[in-house]
Amino acid sequence: MKWPRVLFLILAIVYVLWGNRAYPGSLEQKRGSLPDLTQTDPEAEFNLLGYVMCGPVAVSNVLVWLSSQGYRDLVDLSADPFSDQVRLARKLASEEYMNTRFSKGGTRTADLLTGLEKYIVEKGFRNSRISYSGWNIHPERFSLGNPVPSLEELMDGLPPSAGMIINLGWYRYDLKKDTYHREGGHWVTLAGHGEGYMLVHDPAPWSGRHPSSHRVGLEKILHGLLDGGSGGLPRNAYGYYRIREGLPLPKKGIVGIIDGVVVIEMEVQFPGYSRQKGHILN
């Protein structure tokens, strides 16, 4: 065999192996080890059977995973990881943090952001960053400045020490008016992504009690209006992502739209430095 042909075959093999990497190594790890707690798991014994616990549970998935990836002080873990995560989710849902309430329909974006910030700061990770992109009302300090989430940019730019929680809106589409009317919302956890889709862990009971990654197909909305009683609506629907397939929905006729995303970027931990609660020692 001539050398040019050998070289071509080697390059072809390298190209195939590289091209089959659907997402960065950090997201491959998330797909395999990211928790997937169900908010209505009877063994968790959440208040109101857990029906409004999607926000704290989705966040707890990320925090527990980050704790297993080197940020051990972030979550108190024991030999019983299920009980540890349930305890964490309850703490996040409390009035002191995210103030999750049935009367509010669960966890508001602003409460989730401020409660998460409070928790991470209390754990001593003051150089971490929490960001939000979406239309829901939220404190300006978290804003990435874009009410239409740039999913490709956000997901492709996730460093190994980061996680993402996604806020879905449940809408009904009126074809005659070309309007999506929002009826509620939901929080899920990003577990990975590829071209045109994302992998999510969904805490909803209709997604099943056992851990599983949903491969969710997405498509951009090119026209129409997002409407509803929430602050921040109505607004142009152009550019938002609609779920095309892959994620169980709560009711027949519901359209799932990505209203916003929360990104948690933990501080980089350099070899050789030590940290005490509340500050970093150089």
C-alpha atoms as a PDB file:
ATOM      1  CA  MET A   1       0.000   0.000   0.000  1.00  0.00           C
ATOM      2  CA  LYS A   2       1.383   3.406  -0.945  1.00  0.00           C
ATOM      3  CA  TRP A   3       2.102   5.964   1.783  1.00  0.00           C
ATOM      4  CA  PRO A   4      -0.448   8.543   0.531  1.00  0.00           C
ATOM      5  CA  ARG A   5      -3.191   5.930   0.837  1.00  0.00           C
ATOM      6  CA  VAL A   6      -2.014   4.920   4.321  1.00  0.00           C
ATOM      7  CA  LEU A   7      -1.960   8.554   5.407  1.00  0.00           C
ATOM      8  CA  PHE A   8      -5.453   9.084   3.989  1.00  0.00           C
ATOM      9  CA  LEU A   9      -6.811   6.092   5.925  1.00  0.00           C
ATOM     10  CA  ILE A  10      -5.235   7.296   9.174  1.00  0.00           C
ATOM     11  CA  LEU A  11      -6.696  10.773   8.738  1.00  0.00           C
ATOM     12  CA  ALA A  12     -10.092   9.293   7.895  1.00  0.00           C
ATOM     13  CA  ILE A  13     -10.099   7.170  11.069  1.00  0.00           C
ATOM     14  CA  VAL A  14      -9.108  10.165  13.201  1.00  0.00           C
ATOM     15  CA  TYR A  15     -11.844  12.262  11.588  1.00  0.00           C
ATOM     16  CA  VAL A  16     -14.514   9.608  12.277  1.00  0.00           C
ATOM     17  CA  LEU A  17     -13.431   9.139  15.891  1.00  0.00           C
ATOM     18  CA  TRP A  18     -13.352  12.901  16.498  1.00  0.00           C
ATOM     19  CA  GLY A  19     -16.642  13.519  14.709  1.00  0.00           C
ATOM     20  CA  ASN A  20     -18.423  10.935  16.841  1.00  0.00           C
ATOM     21  CA  ARG A  21     -17.820  13.046  19.944  1.00  0.00           C
ATOM     22  CA  ALA A  22     -21.329  14.446  20.263  1.00  0.00           C
ATOM     23  CA  TYR A  23     -20.366  16.863  23.009  1.00  0.00           C
ATOM     24  CA  PRO A  24     -17.380  17.747  25.215  1.00  0.00           C
ATOM     25  CA  GLY A  25     -16.031  15.302  27.772  1.00  0.00           C
ATOM     26  CA  SER A  26     -17.612  17.202  30.639  1.00  0.00           C
ATOM     27  CA  LEU A  27     -21.064  16.737  29.115  1.00  0.00           C
ATOM     28  CA  GLU A  28     -20.345  13.061  28.449  1.00  0.00           C
ATOM     29  CA  GLN A  29     -19.678  12.766  32.178  1.00  0.00           C
ATOM     30  CA  LYS A  30     -22.923  14.552  32.969  1.00  0.00           C
ATOM     31  CA  ARG A  31     -24.874  12.180  30.793  1.00  0.00           C
ATOM     32  CA  GLY A  32     -23.512   9.234  32.714  1.00  0.00           C
ATOM     33  CA  SER A  33     -23.408  10.503  36.287  1.00  0.00           C
ATOM     34  CA  LEU A  34     -25.801  13.468  36.589  1.00  0.00           C
ATOM     35  CA  PRO A  35     -28.571  12.607  39.093  1.00  0.00           C
ATOM     36  CA  ASP A  36     -32.173  12.374  37.931  1.00  0.00           C
ATOM     37  CA  LEU A  37     -34.382  12.699  40.989  1.00  0.00           C
ATOM     38  CA  THR A  38     -38.156  12.534  40.422  1.00  0.00           C
ATOM     39  CA  GLN A  39     -39.976  15.324  42.232  1.00  0.00           C
ATOM     40  CA  THR A  40     -42.945  13.114  43.135  1.00  0.00           C
ATOM     41  CA  ASP A  41     -40.963  10.081  44.284  1.00  0.00           C
ATOM     42  CA  PRO A  42     -43.008   8.849  47.275  1.00  0.00           C
ATOM     43  CA  GLU A  43     -39.827   7.939  49.153  1.00  0.00           C
ATOM     44  CA  ALA A  44     -38.774  11.616  49.070  1.00  0.00           C
ATOM     45  CA  GLU A  45     -41.925  12.656  50.951  1.00  0.00           C
ATOM     46  CA  PHE A  46     -41.851  16.214  49.619  1.00  0.00           C
ATOM     47  CA  ASN A  47     -44.645  18.572  50.654  1.00  0.00           C
ATOM     48  CA  LEU A  48     -47.739  18.517  48.412  1.00  0.00           C
ATOM     49  CA  LEU A  49     -46.413  15.228  46.968  1.00  0.00           C
ATOM     50  CA  GLY A  50     -43.650  17.202  45.256  1.00  0.00           C
ATOM     51  CA  TYR A  51     -45.809  18.610  42.459  1.00  0.00           C
ATOM     52  CA  VAL A  52     -44.197  22.067  42.618  1.00  0.00           C
ATOM     53  CA  MET A  53     -40.651  20.880  43.383  1.00  0.00           C
ATOM     54  CA  CYS A  54     -39.230  20.801  39.846  1.00  0.00           C
ATOM     55  CA  GLY A  55     -37.027  23.886  40.363  1.00  0.00           C
ATOM     56  CA  PRO A  56     -35.213  22.825  43.553  1.00  0.00           C
ATOM     57  CA  VAL A  57     -34.932  19.237  42.288  1.00  0.00           C
ATOM     58  CA  ALA A  58     -33.484  20.299  38.899  1.00  0.00           C
ATOM     59  CA  VAL A  59     -30.938  22.510  40.688  1.00  0.00           C
ATOM     60  CA  SER A  60     -30.099  19.746  43.161  1.00  0.00           C
ATOM     61  CA  ASN A  61     -29.196  17.484  40.222  1.00  0.00           C
ATOM     62  CA  VAL A  62     -26.489  19.947  39.184  1.00  0.00           C
ATOM     63  CA  LEU A  63     -25.197  20.689  42.680  1.00  0.00           C
ATOM     64  CA  VAL A  64     -24.874  17.013  43.612  1.00  0.00           C
ATOM     65  CA  TRP A  65     -23.067  16.314  40.333  1.00  0.00           C
ATOM     66  CA  LEU A  66     -20.684  19.238  40.871  1.00  0.00           C
ATOM     67  CA  SER A  67     -20.007  17.981  44.376  1.00  0.00           C
ATOM     68  CA  SER A  68     -18.934  14.639  42.898  1.00  0.00           C
ATOM     69  CA  GLN A  69     -16.673  16.417  40.387  1.00  0.00           C
ATOM     70  CA  GLY A  70     -14.356  17.984  42.953  1.00  0.00           C
ATOM     71  CA  TYR A  71     -16.518  20.611  44.707  1.00  0.00           C
ATOM     72  CA  ARG A  72     -17.033  18.399  47.739  1.00  0.00           C
ATOM     73  CA  ASP A  73     -17.938  21.240  50.095  1.00  0.00           C
ATOM     74  CA  LEU A  74     -20.900  22.185  47.898  1.00  0.00           C
ATOM     75  CA  VAL A  75     -23.167  19.393  49.185  1.00  0.00           C
ATOM     76  CA  ASP A  76     -22.996  17.285  52.316  1.00  0.00           C
ATOM     77  CA  LEU A  77     -22.804  13.749  50.911  1.00  0.00           C
ATOM     78  CA  SER A  78     -22.898  10.466  52.782  1.00  0.00           C
ATOM     79  CA  ALA A  79     -23.292   6.788  51.947  1.00  0.00           C
ATOM     80  CA  ASP A  80     -26.965   7.499  51.160  1.00  0.00           C
ATOM     81  CA  PRO A  81     -26.935   9.809  48.081  1.00  0.00           C
ATOM     82  CA  PHE A  82     -30.726   9.670  47.629  1.00  0.00           C
ATOM     83  CA  SER A  83     -31.417  11.009  51.136  1.00  0.00           C
ATOM     84  CA  ASP A  84     -28.641  13.581  50.720  1.00  0.00           C
ATOM     85  CA  GLN A  85     -30.226  14.968  47.560  1.00  0.00           C
ATOM     86  CA  VAL A  86     -33.736  14.954  49.011  1.00  0.00           C
ATOM     87  CA  ARG A  87     -32.468  16.919  51.991  1.00  0.00           C
ATOM     88  CA  LEU A  88     -30.732  19.380  49.654  1.00  0.00           C
ATOM     89  CA  ALA A  89     -33.864  19.855  47.521  1.00  0.00           C
ATOM     90  CA  ARG A  90     -35.952  20.545  50.620  1.00  0.00           C
ATOM     91  CA  LYS A  91     -33.445  23.125  51.785  1.00  0.00           C
ATOM     92  CA  LEU A  92     -33.413  24.867  48.416  1.00  0.00           C
ATOM     93  CA  ALA A  93     -37.226  24.925  48.331  1.00  0.00           C
ATOM     94  CA  SER A  94     -37.495  26.534  51.767  1.00  0.00           C
ATOM     95  CA  GLU A  95     -38.541  30.123  52.364  1.00  0.00           C
ATOM     96  CA  GLU A  96     -34.943  30.944  53.285  1.00  0.00           C
ATOM     97  CA  TYR A  97     -33.740  30.104  49.767  1.00  0.00           C
ATOM     98  CA  MET A  98     -36.023  29.648  46.703  1.00  0.00           C
ATOM     99  CA  ASN A  99     -39.356  30.061  48.492  1.00  0.00           C
ATOM    100  CA  THR A 100     -41.058  27.370  46.393  1.00  0.00           C
ATOM    101  CA  ARG A 101     -44.813  27.661  46.873  1.00  0.00           C
ATOM    102  CA  PHE A 102     -47.914  26.021  45.403  1.00  0.00           C
ATOM    103  CA  SER A 103     -49.633  29.431  45.374  1.00  0.00           C
ATOM    104  CA  LYS A 104     -46.898  30.729  43.042  1.00  0.00           C
ATOM    105  CA  GLY A 105     -47.034  27.694  40.789  1.00  0.00           C
ATOM    106  CA  GLY A 106     -43.647  26.471  42.011  1.00  0.00           C
ATOM    107  CA  THR A 107     -40.405  28.435  41.870  1.00  0.00           C
ATOM    108  CA  ARG A 108     -40.157  31.807  40.169  1.00  0.00           C
ATOM    109  CA  THR A 109     -37.041  32.553  38.162  1.00  0.00           C
ATOM    110  CA  ALA A 110     -35.981  35.436  40.406  1.00  0.00           C
ATOM    111  CA  ASP A 111     -36.389  33.283  43.539  1.00  0.00           C
ATOM    112  CA  LEU A 112     -34.468  30.397  42.017  1.00  0.00           C
ATOM    113  CA  LEU A 113     -31.559  32.693  41.104  1.00  0.00           C
ATOM    114  CA  THR A 114     -31.337  34.494  44.438  1.00  0.00           C
ATOM    115  CA  GLY A 115     -31.823  31.297  46.455  1.00  0.00           C
ATOM    116  CA  LEU A 116     -29.145  29.500  44.464  1.00  0.00           C
ATOM    117  CA  GLU A 117     -26.774  32.444  44.869  1.00  0.00           C
ATOM    118  CA  LYS A 118     -27.343  32.466  48.636  1.00  0.00           C
ATOM    119  CA  TYR A 119     -26.684  28.746  48.908  1.00  0.00           C
ATOM    120  CA  ILE A 120     -23.448  28.786  46.858  1.00  0.00           C
ATOM    121  CA  VAL A 121     -22.075  31.828  48.711  1.00  0.00           C
ATOM    122  CA  GLU A 122     -22.818  30.209  52.072  1.00  0.00           C
ATOM    123  CA  LYS A 123     -20.847  27.173  50.925  1.00  0.00           C
ATOM    124  CA  GLY A 124     -17.844  29.421  50.366  1.00  0.00           C
ATOM    125  CA  PHE A 125     -17.682  29.523  46.570  1.00  0.00           C
ATOM    126  CA  ARG A 126     -17.781  33.297  46.256  1.00  0.00           C
ATOM    127  CA  ASN A 127     -15.922  33.401  42.941  1.00  0.00           C
ATOM    128  CA  SER A 128     -18.574  31.353  41.169  1.00  0.00           C
ATOM    129  CA  ARG A 129     -21.032  32.882  38.731  1.00  0.00           C
ATOM    130  CA  ILE A 130     -24.752  32.443  38.141  1.00  0.00           C
ATOM    131  CA  SER A 131     -26.173  33.756  34.861  1.00  0.00           C
ATOM    132  CA  TYR A 132     -29.607  33.926  33.286  1.00  0.00           C
ATOM    133  CA  SER A 133     -30.786  34.341  29.711  1.00  0.00           C
ATOM    134  CA  GLY A 134     -34.538  34.547  29.077  1.00  0.00           C
ATOM    135  CA  TRP A 135     -37.622  36.735  29.345  1.00  0.00           C
ATOM    136  CA  ASN A 136     -38.722  36.038  32.929  1.00  0.00           C
ATOM    137  CA  ILE A 137     -38.317  38.910  35.395  1.00  0.00           C
ATOM    138  CA  HIS A 138     -35.049  38.538  37.314  1.00  0.00           C
ATOM    139  CA  PRO A 139     -32.432  40.645  39.167  1.00  0.00           C
ATOM    140  CA  GLU A 140     -30.218  42.527  36.721  1.00  0.00           C
ATOM    141  CA  ARG A 141     -26.987  41.195  38.245  1.00  0.00           C
ATOM    142  CA  PHE A 142     -27.697  37.737  36.789  1.00  0.00           C
ATOM    143  CA  SER A 143     -28.608  38.898  33.306  1.00  0.00           C
ATOM    144  CA  LEU A 144     -26.699  37.913  30.175  1.00  0.00           C
ATOM    145  CA  GLY A 145     -28.571  40.682  28.373  1.00  0.00           C
ATOM    146  CA  ASN A 146     -30.578  38.525  25.984  1.00  0.00           C
ATOM    147  CA  PRO A 147     -34.255  37.687  26.565  1.00  0.00           C
ATOM    148  CA  VAL A 148     -33.982  35.094  23.763  1.00  0.00           C
ATOM    149  CA  PRO A 149     -31.604  32.343  24.988  1.00  0.00           C
ATOM    150  CA  SER A 150     -28.752  31.627  22.538  1.00  0.00           C
ATOM    151  CA  LEU A 151     -28.743  27.917  23.219  1.00  0.00           C
ATOM    152  CA  GLU A 152     -25.938  26.894  20.860  1.00  0.00           C
ATOM    153  CA  GLU A 153     -23.594  29.524  22.251  1.00  0.00           C
ATOM    154  CA  LEU A 154     -24.479  28.794  25.872  1.00  0.00           C
ATOM    155  CA  MET A 155     -24.249  25.009  25.610  1.00  0.00           C
ATOM    156  CA  ASP A 156     -21.106  24.960  23.483  1.00  0.00           C
ATOM    157  CA  GLY A 157     -19.418  27.378  25.882  1.00  0.00           C
ATOM    158  CA  LEU A 158     -20.090  25.396  29.066  1.00  0.00           C
ATOM    159  CA  PRO A 159     -16.799  24.729  30.885  1.00  0.00           C
ATOM    160  CA  PRO A 160     -16.253  21.468  32.799  1.00  0.00           C
ATOM    161  CA  SER A 161     -17.094  23.176  36.097  1.00  0.00           C
ATOM    162  CA  ALA A 162     -20.546  24.345  34.970  1.00  0.00           C
ATOM    163  CA  GLY A 163     -24.139  23.180  34.821  1.00  0.00           C
ATOM    164  CA  MET A 164     -27.356  24.416  33.238  1.00  0.00           C
ATOM    165  CA  ILE A 165     -30.984  24.424  34.366  1.00  0.00           C
ATOM    166  CA  ILE A 166     -33.612  25.049  31.707  1.00  0.00           C
ATOM    167  CA  ASN A 167     -36.952  26.766  32.239  1.00  0.00           C
ATOM    168  CA  LEU A 168     -39.664  25.402  29.950  1.00  0.00           C
ATOM    169  CA  GLY A 169     -42.950  27.157  29.322  1.00  0.00           C
ATOM    170  CA  TRP A 170     -46.110  25.139  28.656  1.00  0.00           C
ATOM    171  CA  TYR A 171     -48.096  26.866  25.904  1.00  0.00           C
ATOM    172  CA  ARG A 172     -51.185  26.286  23.795  1.00  0.00           C
ATOM    173  CA  TYR A 173     -50.910  27.439  20.213  1.00  0.00           C
ATOM    174  CA  ASP A 174     -53.739  29.348  18.513  1.00  0.00           C
ATOM    175  CA  LEU A 175     -53.222  28.903  14.784  1.00  0.00           C
ATOM    176  CA  LYS A 176     -55.631  31.658  13.756  1.00  0.00           C
ATOM    177  CA  LYS A 177     -54.002  34.248  15.992  1.00  0.00           C
ATOM    178  CA  ASP A 178     -50.506  32.763  15.609  1.00  0.00           C
ATOM    179  CA  THR A 179     -50.187  33.049  19.381  1.00  0.00           C
ATOM    180  CA  TYR A 180     -48.684  30.803  22.046  1.00  0.00           C
ATOM    181  CA  HIS A 181     -50.598  31.250  25.308  1.00  0.00           C
ATOM    182  CA  ARG A 182     -48.606  30.255  28.391  1.00  0.00           C
ATOM    183  CA  GLU A 183     -50.377  28.017  30.910  1.00  0.00           C
ATOM    184  CA  GLY A 184     -47.484  27.113  33.203  1.00  0.00           C
ATOM    185  CA  GLY A 185     -43.825  26.265  33.416  1.00  0.00           C
ATOM    186  CA  HIS A 186     -41.309  23.637  34.405  1.00  0.00           C
ATOM    187  CA  TRP A 187     -37.602  23.221  35.236  1.00  0.00           C
ATOM    188  CA  VAL A 188     -35.309  20.503  33.837  1.00  0.00           C
ATOM    189  CA  THR A 189     -31.555  19.836  33.953  1.00  0.00           C
ATOM    190  CA  LEU A 190     -29.225  19.787  30.943  1.00  0.00           C
ATOM    191  CA  ALA A 191     -27.310  16.507  30.690  1.00  0.00           C
ATOM    192  CA  GLY A 192     -25.631  16.980  27.301  1.00  0.00           C
ATOM    193  CA  HIS A 193     -26.265  18.189  23.768  1.00  0.00           C
ATOM    194  CA  GLY A 194     -25.562  17.676  20.098  1.00  0.00           C
ATOM    195  CA  GLU A 195     -26.512  19.345  16.837  1.00  0.00           C
ATOM    196  CA  GLY A 196     -30.223  20.137  16.926  1.00  0.00           C
ATOM    197  CA  TYR A 197     -30.972  18.395  20.212  1.00  0.00           C
ATOM    198  CA  MET A 198     -30.221  18.339  23.919  1.00  0.00           C
ATOM    199  CA  LEU A 199     -30.216  15.663  26.604  1.00  0.00           C
ATOM    200  CA  VAL A 200     -32.206  16.519  29.707  1.00  0.00           C
ATOM    201  CA  HIS A 201     -33.065  14.989  33.050  1.00  0.00           C
ATOM    202  CA  ASP A 202     -36.693  15.789  33.770  1.00  0.00           C
ATOM    203  CA  PRO A 203     -37.935  15.649  37.396  1.00  0.00           C
ATOM    204  CA  ALA A 204     -41.600  15.471  36.300  1.00  0.00           C
ATOM    205  CA  PRO A 205     -43.660  12.395  37.235  1.00  0.00           C
ATOM    206  CA  TRP A 206     -44.771  11.921  33.617  1.00  0.00           C
ATOM    207  CA  SER A 207     -41.126  11.334  32.655  1.00  0.00           C
ATOM    208  CA  GLY A 208     -40.943   8.216  34.811  1.00  0.00           C
ATOM    209  CA  ARG A 209     -39.589   7.481  38.245  1.00  0.00           C
ATOM    210  CA  HIS A 210     -36.395   5.782  37.106  1.00  0.00           C
ATOM    211  CA  PRO A 211     -33.352   7.813  35.906  1.00  0.00           C
ATOM    212  CA  SER A 212     -33.223   8.388  32.162  1.00  0.00           C
ATOM    213  CA  SER A 213     -31.900  10.957  29.690  1.00  0.00           C
ATOM    214  CA  HIS A 214     -34.413  12.390  27.243  1.00  0.00           C
ATOM    215  CA  ARG A 215     -33.050  13.200  23.794  1.00  0.00           C
ATOM    216  CA  VAL A 216     -35.046  16.315  22.979  1.00  0.00           C
ATOM    217  CA  GLY A 217     -35.276  17.584  19.406  1.00  0.00           C
ATOM    218  CA  LEU A 218     -35.497  21.355  19.034  1.00  0.00           C
ATOM    219  CA  GLU A 219     -36.591  23.823  16.379  1.00  0.00           C
ATOM    220  CA  LYS A 220     -36.581  27.607  16.245  1.00  0.00           C
ATOM    221  CA  ILE A 221     -39.846  29.506  16.144  1.00  0.00           C
ATOM    222  CA  LEU A 222     -39.929  31.814  13.116  1.00  0.00           C
ATOM    223  CA  HIS A 223     -43.123  33.768  13.765  1.00  0.00           C
ATOM    224  CA  GLY A 224     -45.900  34.325  16.263  1.00  0.00           C
ATOM    225  CA  LEU A 225     -46.421  35.782  19.714  1.00  0.00           C
ATOM    226  CA  LEU A 226     -45.777  34.518  23.232  1.00  0.00           C
ATOM    227  CA  ASP A 227     -48.654  35.586  25.465  1.00  0.00           C
ATOM    228  CA  GLY A 228     -49.948  34.988  28.982  1.00  0.00           C
ATOM    229  CA  GLY A 229     -50.347  36.482  32.422  1.00  0.00           C
ATOM    230  CA  SER A 230     -46.668  36.378  33.395  1.00  0.00           C
ATOM    231  CA  GLY A 231     -44.555  39.503  33.700  1.00  0.00           C
ATOM    232  CA  GLY A 232     -42.440  39.845  30.572  1.00  0.00           C
ATOM    233  CA  LEU A 233     -45.257  38.784  28.234  1.00  0.00           C
ATOM    234  CA  PRO A 234     -46.478  39.330  25.562  1.00  0.00           C
ATOM    235  CA  ARG A 235     -43.414  39.295  23.293  1.00  0.00           C
ATOM    236  CA  ASN A 236     -42.326  38.252  19.828  1.00  0.00           C
ATOM    237  CA  ALA A 237     -41.881  34.462  19.628  1.00  0.00           C
ATOM    238  CA  TYR A 238     -39.205  34.681  16.925  1.00  0.00           C
ATOM    239  CA  GLY A 239     -35.940  32.961  17.858  1.00  0.00           C
ATOM    240  CA  TYR A 240     -37.193  30.960  20.820  1.00  0.00           C
ATOM    241  CA  TYR A 241     -36.786  27.188  20.742  1.00  0.00           C
ATOM    242  CA  ARG A 242     -39.763  24.873  20.631  1.00  0.00           C
ATOM    243  CA  ILE A 243     -39.597  21.193  21.588  1.00  0.00           C
ATOM    244  CA  ARG A 244     -40.093  19.119  18.464  1.00  0.00           C
ATOM    245  CA  GLU A 245     -39.853  15.640  19.995  1.00  0.00           C
ATOM    246  CA  GLY A 246     -38.399  13.516  22.752  1.00  0.00           C
ATOM    247  CA  LEU A 247     -39.800  15.030  25.963  1.00  0.00           C
ATOM    248  CA  PRO A 248     -43.049  13.842  27.574  1.00  0.00           C
ATOM    249  CA  LEU A 249     -45.480  16.736  27.977  1.00  0.00           C
ATOM    250  CA  PRO A 250     -47.963  17.232  30.842  1.00  0.00           C
ATOM    251  CA  LYS A 251     -51.116  17.448  28.703  1.00  0.00           C
ATOM    252  CA  LYS A 252     -52.322  16.798  25.193  1.00  0.00           C
ATOM    253  CA  GLY A 253     -52.064  19.847  22.949  1.00  0.00           C
ATOM    254  CA  ILE A 254     -49.307  21.499  25.002  1.00  0.00           C
ATOM    255  CA  VAL A 255     -46.278  23.033  23.275  1.00  0.00           C
ATOM    256  CA  GLY A 256     -43.014  23.223  25.195  1.00  0.00           C
ATOM    257  CA  ILE A 257     -40.901  26.350  24.640  1.00  0.00           C
ATOM    258  CA  ILE A 258     -37.573  27.237  26.252  1.00  0.00           C
ATOM    259  CA  ASP A 259     -38.305  30.461  28.133  1.00  0.00           C
ATOM    260  CA  GLY A 260     -34.908  30.805  29.787  1.00  0.00           C
ATOM    261  CA  VAL A 261     -31.762  29.101  31.021  1.00  0.00           C
ATOM    262  CA  VAL A 262     -29.736  29.371  34.225  1.00  0.00           C
ATOM    263  CA  VAL A 263     -25.993  28.703  34.026  1.00  0.00           C
ATOM    264  CA  ILE A 264     -23.926  27.829  37.109  1.00  0.00           C
ATOM    265  CA  GLU A 265     -20.177  28.322  36.623  1.00  0.00           C
ATOM    266  CA  MET A 266     -18.170  27.222  39.632  1.00  0.00           C
ATOM    267  CA  GLU A 267     -14.899  28.889  40.508  1.00  0.00           C
ATOM    268  CA  VAL A 268     -11.829  27.206  39.040  1.00  0.00           C
ATOM    269  CA  GLN A 269      -9.958  25.147  41.593  1.00  0.00           C
ATOM    270  CA  PHE A 270      -6.218  25.341  40.981  1.00  0.00           C
ATOM    271  CA  PRO A 271      -3.944  22.595  42.319  1.00  0.00           C
ATOM    272  CA  GLY A 272      -2.115  23.651  45.439  1.00  0.00           C
ATOM    273  CA  TYR A 273      -4.520  26.219  46.836  1.00  0.00           C
ATOM    274  CA  SER A 274      -6.619  25.758  49.949  1.00  0.00           C
ATOM    275  CA  ARG A 275     -10.015  27.246  50.681  1.00  0.00           C
ATOM    276  CA  GLN A 276     -11.914  28.084  53.827  1.00  0.00           C
ATOM    277  CA  LYS A 277     -15.593  28.719  54.019  1.00  0.00           C
ATOM    278  CA  GLY A 278     -16.388  32.243  52.850  1.00  0.00           C
ATOM    279  CA  HIS A 279     -13.103  33.163  51.153  1.00  0.00           C
ATOM    280  CA  ILE A 280     -10.219  31.851  49.075  1.00  0.00           C
ATOM    281  CA  LEU A 281      -6.705  31.568  50.438  1.00  0.00           C
ATOM    282  CA  ASN A 282      -4.076  32.397  47.786  1.00  0.00           C
END
